[in-house]
Amino acid sequence: MLVTTTNNLEGKKIVRYIGLVSGETIIGANIFKDLFAGIRDIVGGRSGSYEQVLREAKNTAINEMQQQAMAMGANAVIAVDLDFETVGSGGSMLMVTATGTGVVFEENPL
């Protein structure tokens, strides 16, 4: 399935707009990641554990959006937007939402 942040598919003809599709995930970080991230705040550097959690949450949200689009009959999702928010007490959880427009495009336009 094609997934793009653009509003069209270069070289493809969109023949039907299915509608809004979305995928959401909320993922928590554990106390050890919080502890090591706190140390990184003091000494500097990147937090590989948080980056991995962020990547996992983003991929899950995109996969759920694609599944919804396929279930609705789409073969592509355009105009994809990703939103990231912290939720829970003290911002202990990360919420990622992927939204876009499910469309059908001609596989081999003449």
PDB file of N, CA and C in Angstrom:
ATOM      1  N   MET A   1       0.845  -1.179   0.000  1.00  0.00           N
ATOM      2  CA  MET A   1       0.000   0.000   0.000  1.00  0.00           C
ATOM      3  C   MET A   1       0.886   1.237   0.000  1.00  0.00           C
ATOM      4  N   LEU A   2       0.552   2.172  -0.880  1.00  0.00           N
ATOM      5  CA  LEU A   2       1.267   3.439  -0.910  1.00  0.00           C
ATOM      6  C   LEU A   2       0.775   4.338   0.222  1.00  0.00           C
ATOM      7  N   VAL A   3       1.714   4.980   0.901  1.00  0.00           N
ATOM      8  CA  VAL A   3       1.396   5.923   1.965  1.00  0.00           C
ATOM      9  C   VAL A   3       2.275   7.145   1.743  1.00  0.00           C
ATOM     10  N   THR A   4       1.645   8.327   1.677  1.00  0.00           N
ATOM     11  CA  THR A   4       2.408   9.531   1.399  1.00  0.00           C
ATOM     12  C   THR A   4       1.838  10.730   2.150  1.00  0.00           C
ATOM     13  N   THR A   5       2.696  11.686   2.414  1.00  0.00           N
ATOM     14  CA  THR A   5       2.250  12.926   3.053  1.00  0.00           C
ATOM     15  C   THR A   5       1.741  13.936   2.030  1.00  0.00           C
ATOM     16  N   THR A   6       1.940  13.644   0.747  1.00  0.00           N
ATOM     17  CA  THR A   6       1.488  14.565  -0.297  1.00  0.00           C
ATOM     18  C   THR A   6       0.003  14.387  -0.564  1.00  0.00           C
ATOM     19  N   ASN A   7      -0.593  15.354  -1.271  1.00  0.00           N
ATOM     20  CA  ASN A   7      -2.025  15.322  -1.559  1.00  0.00           C
ATOM     21  C   ASN A   7      -2.372  14.590  -2.846  1.00  0.00           C
ATOM     22  N   ASN A   8      -1.362  14.082  -3.537  1.00  0.00           N
ATOM     23  CA  ASN A   8      -1.609  13.329  -4.764  1.00  0.00           C
ATOM     24  C   ASN A   8      -0.549  12.244  -4.893  1.00  0.00           C
ATOM     25  N   LEU A   9      -0.698  11.431  -5.909  1.00  0.00           N
ATOM     26  CA  LEU A   9       0.267  10.382  -6.200  1.00  0.00           C
ATOM     27  C   LEU A   9       0.879  10.678  -7.563  1.00  0.00           C
ATOM     28  N   GLU A  10       2.100  11.103  -7.555  1.00  0.00           N
ATOM     29  CA  GLU A  10       2.790  11.477  -8.788  1.00  0.00           C
ATOM     30  C   GLU A  10       2.703  10.345  -9.811  1.00  0.00           C
ATOM     31  N   GLY A  11       2.175  10.660 -10.984  1.00  0.00           N
ATOM     32  CA  GLY A  11       2.086   9.689 -12.065  1.00  0.00           C
ATOM     33  C   GLY A  11       0.958   8.684 -11.929  1.00  0.00           C
ATOM     34  N   LYS A  12       0.127   8.829 -10.910  1.00  0.00           N
ATOM     35  CA  LYS A  12      -0.999   7.913 -10.701  1.00  0.00           C
ATOM     36  C   LYS A  12      -2.298   8.703 -10.766  1.00  0.00           C
ATOM     37  N   LYS A  13      -3.356   8.059 -11.219  1.00  0.00           N
ATOM     38  CA  LYS A  13      -4.663   8.693 -11.289  1.00  0.00           C
ATOM     39  C   LYS A  13      -5.537   8.178 -10.153  1.00  0.00           C
ATOM     40  N   ILE A  14      -5.924   9.085  -9.248  1.00  0.00           N
ATOM     41  CA  ILE A  14      -6.831   8.719  -8.167  1.00  0.00           C
ATOM     42  C   ILE A  14      -8.238   8.655  -8.746  1.00  0.00           C
ATOM     43  N   VAL A  15      -8.887   7.493  -8.587  1.00  0.00           N
ATOM     44  CA  VAL A  15     -10.214   7.303  -9.178  1.00  0.00           C
ATOM     45  C   VAL A  15     -11.331   7.362  -8.143  1.00  0.00           C
ATOM     46  N   ARG A  16     -10.968   7.236  -6.861  1.00  0.00           N
ATOM     47  CA  ARG A  16     -11.996   7.318  -5.821  1.00  0.00           C
ATOM     48  C   ARG A  16     -11.378   7.702  -4.486  1.00  0.00           C
ATOM     49  N   TYR A  17     -12.066   8.588  -3.796  1.00  0.00           N
ATOM     50  CA  TYR A  17     -11.663   8.973  -2.447  1.00  0.00           C
ATOM     51  C   TYR A  17     -12.538   8.192  -1.473  1.00  0.00           C
ATOM     52  N   ILE A  18     -11.915   7.388  -0.645  1.00  0.00           N
ATOM     53  CA  ILE A  18     -12.639   6.541   0.298  1.00  0.00           C
ATOM     54  C   ILE A  18     -13.048   7.337   1.543  1.00  0.00           C
ATOM     55  N   GLY A  19     -12.128   8.101   2.082  1.00  0.00           N
ATOM     56  CA  GLY A  19     -12.429   8.898   3.269  1.00  0.00           C
ATOM     57  C   GLY A  19     -11.293   8.882   4.280  1.00  0.00           C
ATOM     58  N   LEU A  20     -11.568   9.498   5.408  1.00  0.00           N
ATOM     59  CA  LEU A  20     -10.589   9.638   6.479  1.00  0.00           C
ATOM     60  C   LEU A  20     -10.265   8.279   7.088  1.00  0.00           C
ATOM     61  N   VAL A  21      -8.975   8.033   7.271  1.00  0.00           N
ATOM     62  CA  VAL A  21      -8.509   6.832   7.957  1.00  0.00           C
ATOM     63  C   VAL A  21      -7.520   7.252   9.026  1.00  0.00           C
ATOM     64  N   SER A  22      -7.462   6.462  10.091  1.00  0.00           N
ATOM     65  CA  SER A  22      -6.547   6.831  11.176  1.00  0.00           C
ATOM     66  C   SER A  22      -6.060   5.594  11.908  1.00  0.00           C
ATOM     67  N   GLY A  23      -4.987   5.770  12.606  1.00  0.00           N
ATOM     68  CA  GLY A  23      -4.432   4.750  13.483  1.00  0.00           C
ATOM     69  C   GLY A  23      -3.865   5.445  14.698  1.00  0.00           C
ATOM     70  N   GLU A  24      -4.074   4.860  15.858  1.00  0.00           N
ATOM     71  CA  GLU A  24      -3.607   5.480  17.086  1.00  0.00           C
ATOM     72  C   GLU A  24      -2.887   4.448  17.935  1.00  0.00           C
ATOM     73  N   THR A  25      -1.957   4.931  18.717  1.00  0.00           N
ATOM     74  CA  THR A  25      -1.303   4.076  19.698  1.00  0.00           C
ATOM     75  C   THR A  25      -0.892   4.920  20.891  1.00  0.00           C
ATOM     76  N   ILE A  26      -0.980   4.328  22.043  1.00  0.00           N
ATOM     77  CA  ILE A  26      -0.476   4.945  23.265  1.00  0.00           C
ATOM     78  C   ILE A  26       0.497   3.955  23.865  1.00  0.00           C
ATOM     79  N   ILE A  27       1.697   4.426  24.117  1.00  0.00           N
ATOM     80  CA  ILE A  27       2.739   3.533  24.605  1.00  0.00           C
ATOM     81  C   ILE A  27       3.413   4.187  25.802  1.00  0.00           C
ATOM     82  N   GLY A  28       3.693   3.404  26.798  1.00  0.00           N
ATOM     83  CA  GLY A  28       4.335   3.909  28.007  1.00  0.00           C
ATOM     84  C   GLY A  28       5.818   3.605  27.999  1.00  0.00           C
ATOM     85  N   ALA A  29       6.555   4.474  28.649  1.00  0.00           N
ATOM     86  CA  ALA A  29       7.977   4.228  28.856  1.00  0.00           C
ATOM     87  C   ALA A  29       8.137   3.711  30.284  1.00  0.00           C
ATOM     88  N   ASN A  30       9.079   2.827  30.488  1.00  0.00           N
ATOM     89  CA  ASN A  30       9.217   2.291  31.841  1.00  0.00           C
ATOM     90  C   ASN A  30      10.175   3.118  32.688  1.00  0.00           C
ATOM     91  N   ILE A  31      10.250   2.807  33.946  1.00  0.00           N
ATOM     92  CA  ILE A  31      11.033   3.597  34.902  1.00  0.00           C
ATOM     93  C   ILE A  31      12.517   3.619  34.559  1.00  0.00           C
ATOM     94  N   PHE A  32      13.044   2.532  33.993  1.00  0.00           N
ATOM     95  CA  PHE A  32      14.462   2.502  33.662  1.00  0.00           C
ATOM     96  C   PHE A  32      14.782   3.447  32.509  1.00  0.00           C
ATOM     97  N   LYS A  33      13.900   3.499  31.516  1.00  0.00           N
ATOM     98  CA  LYS A  33      14.090   4.442  30.414  1.00  0.00           C
ATOM     99  C   LYS A  33      14.017   5.868  30.938  1.00  0.00           C
ATOM    100  N   ASP A  34      13.069   6.131  31.863  1.00  0.00           N
ATOM    101  CA  ASP A  34      12.949   7.461  32.451  1.00  0.00           C
ATOM    102  C   ASP A  34      14.220   7.827  33.213  1.00  0.00           C
ATOM    103  N   LEU A  35      14.763   6.883  33.963  1.00  0.00           N
ATOM    104  CA  LEU A  35      15.975   7.130  34.735  1.00  0.00           C
ATOM    105  C   LEU A  35      17.143   7.471  33.820  1.00  0.00           C
ATOM    106  N   PHE A  36      17.357   6.655  32.786  1.00  0.00           N
ATOM    107  CA  PHE A  36      18.468   6.909  31.874  1.00  0.00           C
ATOM    108  C   PHE A  36      18.262   8.173  31.045  1.00  0.00           C
ATOM    109  N   ALA A  37      17.027   8.479  30.712  1.00  0.00           N
ATOM    110  CA  ALA A  37      16.750   9.726  29.988  1.00  0.00           C
ATOM    111  C   ALA A  37      17.064  10.917  30.877  1.00  0.00           C
ATOM    112  N   GLY A  38      16.758  10.811  32.170  1.00  0.00           N
ATOM    113  CA  GLY A  38      17.087  11.884  33.107  1.00  0.00           C
ATOM    114  C   GLY A  38      18.584  12.125  33.183  1.00  0.00           C
ATOM    115  N   ILE A  39      19.346  11.054  33.158  1.00  0.00           N
ATOM    116  CA  ILE A  39      20.804  11.187  33.157  1.00  0.00           C
ATOM    117  C   ILE A  39      21.269  11.857  31.881  1.00  0.00           C
ATOM    118  N   ARG A  40      20.677  11.481  30.747  1.00  0.00           N
ATOM    119  CA  ARG A  40      21.028  12.107  29.461  1.00  0.00           C
ATOM    120  C   ARG A  40      20.718  13.609  29.483  1.00  0.00           C
ATOM    121  N   ASP A  41      19.632  13.999  30.170  1.00  0.00           N
ATOM    122  CA  ASP A  41      19.305  15.417  30.290  1.00  0.00           C
ATOM    123  C   ASP A  41      20.437  16.178  30.964  1.00  0.00           C
ATOM    124  N   ILE A  42      21.066  15.548  31.916  1.00  0.00           N
ATOM    125  CA  ILE A  42      22.137  16.206  32.676  1.00  0.00           C
ATOM    126  C   ILE A  42      23.448  16.212  31.892  1.00  0.00           C
ATOM    127  N   VAL A  43      23.833  15.072  31.333  1.00  0.00           N
ATOM    128  CA  VAL A  43      25.140  14.968  30.689  1.00  0.00           C
ATOM    129  C   VAL A  43      25.079  15.196  29.181  1.00  0.00           C
ATOM    130  N   GLY A  44      23.892  15.219  28.611  1.00  0.00           N
ATOM    131  CA  GLY A  44      23.753  15.431  27.170  1.00  0.00           C
ATOM    132  C   GLY A  44      23.755  14.121  26.407  1.00  0.00           C
ATOM    133  N   GLY A  45      23.442  14.195  25.143  1.00  0.00           N
ATOM    134  CA  GLY A  45      23.427  13.007  24.295  1.00  0.00           C
ATOM    135  C   GLY A  45      22.014  12.601  23.929  1.00  0.00           C
ATOM    136  N   ARG A  46      21.931  11.595  23.100  1.00  0.00           N
ATOM    137  CA  ARG A  46      20.648  11.095  22.610  1.00  0.00           C
ATOM    138  C   ARG A  46      20.170   9.960  23.493  1.00  0.00           C
ATOM    139  N   SER A  47      18.870   9.812  23.577  1.00  0.00           N
ATOM    140  CA  SER A  47      18.274   8.724  24.336  1.00  0.00           C
ATOM    141  C   SER A  47      17.793   7.657  23.367  1.00  0.00           C
ATOM    142  N   GLY A  48      18.631   6.673  23.141  1.00  0.00           N
ATOM    143  CA  GLY A  48      18.303   5.606  22.210  1.00  0.00           C
ATOM    144  C   GLY A  48      17.061   4.833  22.608  1.00  0.00           C
ATOM    145  N   SER A  49      16.838   4.646  23.903  1.00  0.00           N
ATOM    146  CA  SER A  49      15.667   3.889  24.342  1.00  0.00           C
ATOM    147  C   SER A  49      14.384   4.645  24.037  1.00  0.00           C
ATOM    148  N   TYR A  50      14.379   5.963  24.256  1.00  0.00           N
ATOM    149  CA  TYR A  50      13.192   6.749  23.925  1.00  0.00           C
ATOM    150  C   TYR A  50      12.987   6.841  22.418  1.00  0.00           C
ATOM    151  N   GLU A  51      14.077   6.937  21.672  1.00  0.00           N
ATOM    152  CA  GLU A  51      13.952   6.971  20.216  1.00  0.00           C
ATOM    153  C   GLU A  51      13.323   5.680  19.706  1.00  0.00           C
ATOM    154  N   GLN A  52      13.679   4.546  20.298  1.00  0.00           N
ATOM    155  CA  GLN A  52      13.108   3.267  19.897  1.00  0.00           C
ATOM    156  C   GLN A  52      11.618   3.210  20.221  1.00  0.00           C
ATOM    157  N   VAL A  53      11.218   3.711  21.392  1.00  0.00           N
ATOM    158  CA  VAL A  53       9.800   3.738  21.773  1.00  0.00           C
ATOM    159  C   VAL A  53       9.026   4.622  20.797  1.00  0.00           C
ATOM    160  N   LEU A  54       9.587   5.767  20.458  1.00  0.00           N
ATOM    161  CA  LEU A  54       8.941   6.690  19.529  1.00  0.00           C
ATOM    162  C   LEU A  54       8.776   6.047  18.157  1.00  0.00           C
ATOM    163  N   ARG A  55       9.808   5.392  17.676  1.00  0.00           N
ATOM    164  CA  ARG A  55       9.762   4.723  16.366  1.00  0.00           C
ATOM    165  C   ARG A  55       8.712   3.614  16.369  1.00  0.00           C
ATOM    166  N   GLU A  56       8.676   2.832  17.448  1.00  0.00           N
ATOM    167  CA  GLU A  56       7.705   1.744  17.561  1.00  0.00           C
ATOM    168  C   GLU A  56       6.271   2.279  17.561  1.00  0.00           C
ATOM    169  N   ALA A  57       6.034   3.353  18.309  1.00  0.00           N
ATOM    170  CA  ALA A  57       4.693   3.941  18.367  1.00  0.00           C
ATOM    171  C   ALA A  57       4.279   4.491  17.002  1.00  0.00           C
ATOM    172  N   LYS A  58       5.190   5.155  16.312  1.00  0.00           N
ATOM    173  CA  LYS A  58       4.891   5.709  14.984  1.00  0.00           C
ATOM    174  C   LYS A  58       4.546   4.590  14.005  1.00  0.00           C
ATOM    175  N   ASN A  59       5.346   3.529  13.994  1.00  0.00           N
ATOM    176  CA  ASN A  59       5.101   2.414  13.080  1.00  0.00           C
ATOM    177  C   ASN A  59       3.773   1.723  13.372  1.00  0.00           C
ATOM    178  N   THR A  60       3.429   1.575  14.645  1.00  0.00           N
ATOM    179  CA  THR A  60       2.158   0.948  15.015  1.00  0.00           C
ATOM    180  C   THR A  60       0.980   1.782  14.528  1.00  0.00           C
ATOM    181  N   ALA A  61       1.049   3.102  14.733  1.00  0.00           N
ATOM    182  CA  ALA A  61      -0.038   3.981  14.294  1.00  0.00           C
ATOM    183  C   ALA A  61      -0.195   3.948  12.774  1.00  0.00           C
ATOM    184  N   ILE A  62       0.904   3.965  12.046  1.00  0.00           N
ATOM    185  CA  ILE A  62       0.841   3.915  10.582  1.00  0.00           C
ATOM    186  C   ILE A  62       0.280   2.570  10.115  1.00  0.00           C
ATOM    187  N   ASN A  63       0.706   1.487  10.741  1.00  0.00           N
ATOM    188  CA  ASN A  63       0.202   0.162  10.362  1.00  0.00           C
ATOM    189  C   ASN A  63      -1.299   0.053  10.605  1.00  0.00           C
ATOM    190  N   GLU A  64      -1.777   0.581  11.727  1.00  0.00           N
ATOM    191  CA  GLU A  64      -3.218   0.551  12.005  1.00  0.00           C
ATOM    192  C   GLU A  64      -3.992   1.383  10.985  1.00  0.00           C
ATOM    193  N   MET A  65      -3.440   2.531  10.595  1.00  0.00           N
ATOM    194  CA  MET A  65      -4.078   3.371   9.589  1.00  0.00           C
ATOM    195  C   MET A  65      -4.167   2.622   8.265  1.00  0.00           C
ATOM    196  N   GLN A  66      -3.097   1.939   7.878  1.00  0.00           N
ATOM    197  CA  GLN A  66      -3.098   1.164   6.639  1.00  0.00           C
ATOM    198  C   GLN A  66      -4.127   0.035   6.696  1.00  0.00           C
ATOM    199  N   GLN A  67      -4.233  -0.641   7.820  1.00  0.00           N
ATOM    200  CA  GLN A  67      -5.204  -1.716   7.963  1.00  0.00           C
ATOM    201  C   GLN A  67      -6.631  -1.193   7.798  1.00  0.00           C
ATOM    202  N   GLN A  68      -6.914  -0.036   8.390  1.00  0.00           N
ATOM    203  CA  GLN A  68      -8.247   0.549   8.253  1.00  0.00           C
ATOM    204  C   GLN A  68      -8.508   0.921   6.798  1.00  0.00           C
ATOM    205  N   ALA A  69      -7.515   1.504   6.133  1.00  0.00           N
ATOM    206  CA  ALA A  69      -7.671   1.893   4.731  1.00  0.00           C
ATOM    207  C   ALA A  69      -7.949   0.675   3.858  1.00  0.00           C
ATOM    208  N   MET A  70      -7.210  -0.403   4.068  1.00  0.00           N
ATOM    209  CA  MET A  70      -7.425  -1.627   3.279  1.00  0.00           C
ATOM    210  C   MET A  70      -8.815  -2.200   3.532  1.00  0.00           C
ATOM    211  N   ALA A  71      -9.254  -2.175   4.785  1.00  0.00           N
ATOM    212  CA  ALA A  71     -10.582  -2.697   5.121  1.00  0.00           C
ATOM    213  C   ALA A  71     -11.684  -1.890   4.440  1.00  0.00           C
ATOM    214  N   MET A  72     -11.422  -0.618   4.147  1.00  0.00           N
ATOM    215  CA  MET A  72     -12.401   0.246   3.493  1.00  0.00           C
ATOM    216  C   MET A  72     -12.288   0.179   1.973  1.00  0.00           C
ATOM    217  N   GLY A  73     -11.308  -0.586   1.450  1.00  0.00           N
ATOM    218  CA  GLY A  73     -11.158  -0.744   0.013  1.00  0.00           C
ATOM    219  C   GLY A  73     -10.137   0.157  -0.638  1.00  0.00           C
ATOM    220  N   ALA A  74      -9.351   0.877   0.130  1.00  0.00           N
ATOM    221  CA  ALA A  74      -8.334   1.778  -0.427  1.00  0.00           C
ATOM    222  C   ALA A  74      -7.078   0.991  -0.783  1.00  0.00           C
ATOM    223  N   ASN A  75      -6.323   1.505  -1.757  1.00  0.00           N
ATOM    224  CA  ASN A  75      -5.019   0.929  -2.052  1.00  0.00           C
ATOM    225  C   ASN A  75      -3.890   1.927  -1.841  1.00  0.00           C
ATOM    226  N   ALA A  76      -4.236   3.098  -1.267  1.00  0.00           N
ATOM    227  CA  ALA A  76      -3.230   4.097  -0.913  1.00  0.00           C
ATOM    228  C   ALA A  76      -3.821   5.036   0.146  1.00  0.00           C
ATOM    229  N   VAL A  77      -2.929   5.687   0.858  1.00  0.00           N
ATOM    230  CA  VAL A  77      -3.332   6.723   1.805  1.00  0.00           C
ATOM    231  C   VAL A  77      -2.512   7.965   1.483  1.00  0.00           C
ATOM    232  N   ILE A  78      -3.210   9.078   1.251  1.00  0.00           N
ATOM    233  CA  ILE A  78      -2.533  10.338   0.935  1.00  0.00           C
ATOM    234  C   ILE A  78      -2.749  11.333   2.070  1.00  0.00           C
ATOM    235  N   ALA A  79      -1.997  12.427   2.020  1.00  0.00           N
ATOM    236  CA  ALA A  79      -2.116  13.529   2.973  1.00  0.00           C
ATOM    237  C   ALA A  79      -1.965  13.056   4.419  1.00  0.00           C
ATOM    238  N   VAL A  80      -1.002  12.168   4.645  1.00  0.00           N
ATOM    239  CA  VAL A  80      -0.804  11.604   5.983  1.00  0.00           C
ATOM    240  C   VAL A  80      -0.181  12.645   6.910  1.00  0.00           C
ATOM    241  N   ASP A  81      -0.731  12.706   8.127  1.00  0.00           N
ATOM    242  CA  ASP A  81      -0.231  13.598   9.161  1.00  0.00           C
ATOM    243  C   ASP A  81       0.016  12.769  10.411  1.00  0.00           C
ATOM    244  N   LEU A  82       1.154  12.987  11.038  1.00  0.00           N
ATOM    245  CA  LEU A  82       1.486  12.308  12.286  1.00  0.00           C
ATOM    246  C   LEU A  82       1.475  13.323  13.414  1.00  0.00           C
ATOM    247  N   ASP A  83       0.795  12.980  14.498  1.00  0.00           N
ATOM    248  CA  ASP A  83       0.760  13.830  15.684  1.00  0.00           C
ATOM    249  C   ASP A  83       1.318  13.053  16.861  1.00  0.00           C
ATOM    250  N   PHE A  84       2.115  13.725  17.672  1.00  0.00           N
ATOM    251  CA  PHE A  84       2.739  13.130  18.846  1.00  0.00           C
ATOM    252  C   PHE A  84       2.360  13.956  20.064  1.00  0.00           C
ATOM    253  N   GLU A  85       1.862  13.301  21.101  1.00  0.00           N
ATOM    254  CA  GLU A  85       1.474  13.980  22.340  1.00  0.00           C
ATOM    255  C   GLU A  85       1.876  13.123  23.528  1.00  0.00           C
ATOM    256  N   THR A  86       2.161  13.771  24.643  1.00  0.00           N
ATOM    257  CA  THR A  86       2.359  13.029  25.880  1.00  0.00           C
ATOM    258  C   THR A  86       1.068  13.086  26.674  1.00  0.00           C
ATOM    259  N   VAL A  87       0.717  11.973  27.292  1.00  0.00           N
ATOM    260  CA  VAL A  87      -0.503  11.872  28.075  1.00  0.00           C
ATOM    261  C   VAL A  87      -0.184  11.139  29.376  1.00  0.00           C
ATOM    262  N   GLY A  88      -1.149  11.108  30.272  1.00  0.00           N
ATOM    263  CA  GLY A  88      -0.970  10.421  31.538  1.00  0.00           C
ATOM    264  C   GLY A  88      -0.379  11.342  32.586  1.00  0.00           C
ATOM    265  N   SER A  89      -0.305  10.846  33.791  1.00  0.00           N
ATOM    266  CA  SER A  89       0.226  11.660  34.883  1.00  0.00           C
ATOM    267  C   SER A  89       1.705  11.933  34.635  1.00  0.00           C
ATOM    268  N   GLY A  90       2.042  13.199  34.591  1.00  0.00           N
ATOM    269  CA  GLY A  90       3.426  13.593  34.355  1.00  0.00           C
ATOM    270  C   GLY A  90       3.911  13.330  32.950  1.00  0.00           C
ATOM    271  N   GLY A  91       2.994  13.125  32.016  1.00  0.00           N
ATOM    272  CA  GLY A  91       3.402  12.876  30.629  1.00  0.00           C
ATOM    273  C   GLY A  91       4.146  11.566  30.477  1.00  0.00           C
ATOM    274  N   SER A  92       3.744  10.546  31.227  1.00  0.00           N
ATOM    275  CA  SER A  92       4.474   9.284  31.252  1.00  0.00           C
ATOM    276  C   SER A  92       4.190   8.386  30.050  1.00  0.00           C
ATOM    277  N   MET A  93       3.211   8.758  29.233  1.00  0.00           N
ATOM    278  CA  MET A  93       2.875   7.932  28.081  1.00  0.00           C
ATOM    279  C   MET A  93       2.914   8.781  26.810  1.00  0.00           C
ATOM    280  N   LEU A  94       3.202   8.133  25.722  1.00  0.00           N
ATOM    281  CA  LEU A  94       3.285   8.797  24.424  1.00  0.00           C
ATOM    282  C   LEU A  94       2.126   8.332  23.558  1.00  0.00           C
ATOM    283  N   MET A  95       1.395   9.285  22.996  1.00  0.00           N
ATOM    284  CA  MET A  95       0.313   8.974  22.071  1.00  0.00           C
ATOM    285  C   MET A  95       0.728   9.437  20.678  1.00  0.00           C
ATOM    286  N   VAL A  96       0.598   8.540  19.721  1.00  0.00           N
ATOM    287  CA  VAL A  96       0.899   8.863  18.325  1.00  0.00           C
ATOM    288  C   VAL A  96      -0.344   8.568  17.506  1.00  0.00           C
ATOM    289  N   THR A  97      -0.732   9.538  16.690  1.00  0.00           N
ATOM    290  CA  THR A  97      -1.889   9.396  15.816  1.00  0.00           C
ATOM    291  C   THR A  97      -1.450   9.628  14.378  1.00  0.00           C
ATOM    292  N   ALA A  98      -1.836   8.715  13.499  1.00  0.00           N
ATOM    293  CA  ALA A  98      -1.591   8.860  12.064  1.00  0.00           C
ATOM    294  C   ALA A  98      -2.952   8.998  11.390  1.00  0.00           C
ATOM    295  N   THR A  99      -3.141  10.071  10.623  1.00  0.00           N
ATOM    296  CA  THR A  99      -4.385  10.267   9.891  1.00  0.00           C
ATOM    297  C   THR A  99      -4.070  10.563   8.431  1.00  0.00           C
ATOM    298  N   GLY A 100      -5.002  10.215   7.571  1.00  0.00           N
ATOM    299  CA  GLY A 100      -4.836  10.479   6.153  1.00  0.00           C
ATOM    300  C   GLY A 100      -6.134  10.223   5.417  1.00  0.00           C
ATOM    301  N   THR A 101      -6.080  10.295   4.111  1.00  0.00           N
ATOM    302  CA  THR A 101      -7.244  10.045   3.262  1.00  0.00           C
ATOM    303  C   THR A 101      -7.001   8.779   2.467  1.00  0.00           C
ATOM    304  N   GLY A 102      -7.893   7.810   2.673  1.00  0.00           N
ATOM    305  CA  GLY A 102      -7.812   6.577   1.889  1.00  0.00           C
ATOM    306  C   GLY A 102      -8.322   6.820   0.495  1.00  0.00           C
ATOM    307  N   VAL A 103      -7.582   6.345  -0.504  1.00  0.00           N
ATOM    308  CA  VAL A 103      -7.962   6.535  -1.901  1.00  0.00           C
ATOM    309  C   VAL A 103      -7.752   5.246  -2.679  1.00  0.00           C
ATOM    310  N   VAL A 104      -8.369   5.207  -3.857  1.00  0.00           N
ATOM    311  CA  VAL A 104      -8.120   4.134  -4.819  1.00  0.00           C
ATOM    312  C   VAL A 104      -7.505   4.784  -6.042  1.00  0.00           C
ATOM    313  N   PHE A 105      -6.377   4.252  -6.470  1.00  0.00           N
ATOM    314  CA  PHE A 105      -5.758   4.759  -7.694  1.00  0.00           C
ATOM    315  C   PHE A 105      -5.675   3.627  -8.700  1.00  0.00           C
ATOM    316  N   GLU A 106      -5.609   3.992  -9.971  1.00  0.00           N
ATOM    317  CA  GLU A 106      -5.472   3.019 -11.038  1.00  0.00           C
ATOM    318  C   GLU A 106      -4.070   2.437 -10.987  1.00  0.00           C
ATOM    319  N   GLU A 107      -4.000   1.119 -10.936  1.00  0.00           N
ATOM    320  CA  GLU A 107      -2.702   0.442 -10.857  1.00  0.00           C
ATOM    321  C   GLU A 107      -1.853   0.697 -12.112  1.00  0.00           C
ATOM    322  N   ASN A 108      -2.477   0.602 -13.286  1.00  0.00           N
ATOM    323  CA  ASN A 108      -1.757   0.798 -14.548  1.00  0.00           C
ATOM    324  C   ASN A 108      -2.549   1.738 -15.457  1.00  0.00           C
ATOM    325  N   PRO A 109      -2.500   3.045 -15.188  1.00  0.00           N
ATOM    326  CA  PRO A 109      -3.253   3.961 -16.060  1.00  0.00           C
ATOM    327  C   PRO A 109      -2.691   3.947 -17.470  1.00  0.00           C
ATOM    328  N   LEU A 110      -3.579   4.050 -18.433  1.00  0.00           N
ATOM    329  CA  LEU A 110      -3.156   4.056 -19.842  1.00  0.00           C
ATOM    330  C   LEU A 110      -2.840   5.435 -20.301  1.00  0.00           C
TER     331      LEU A 110
END
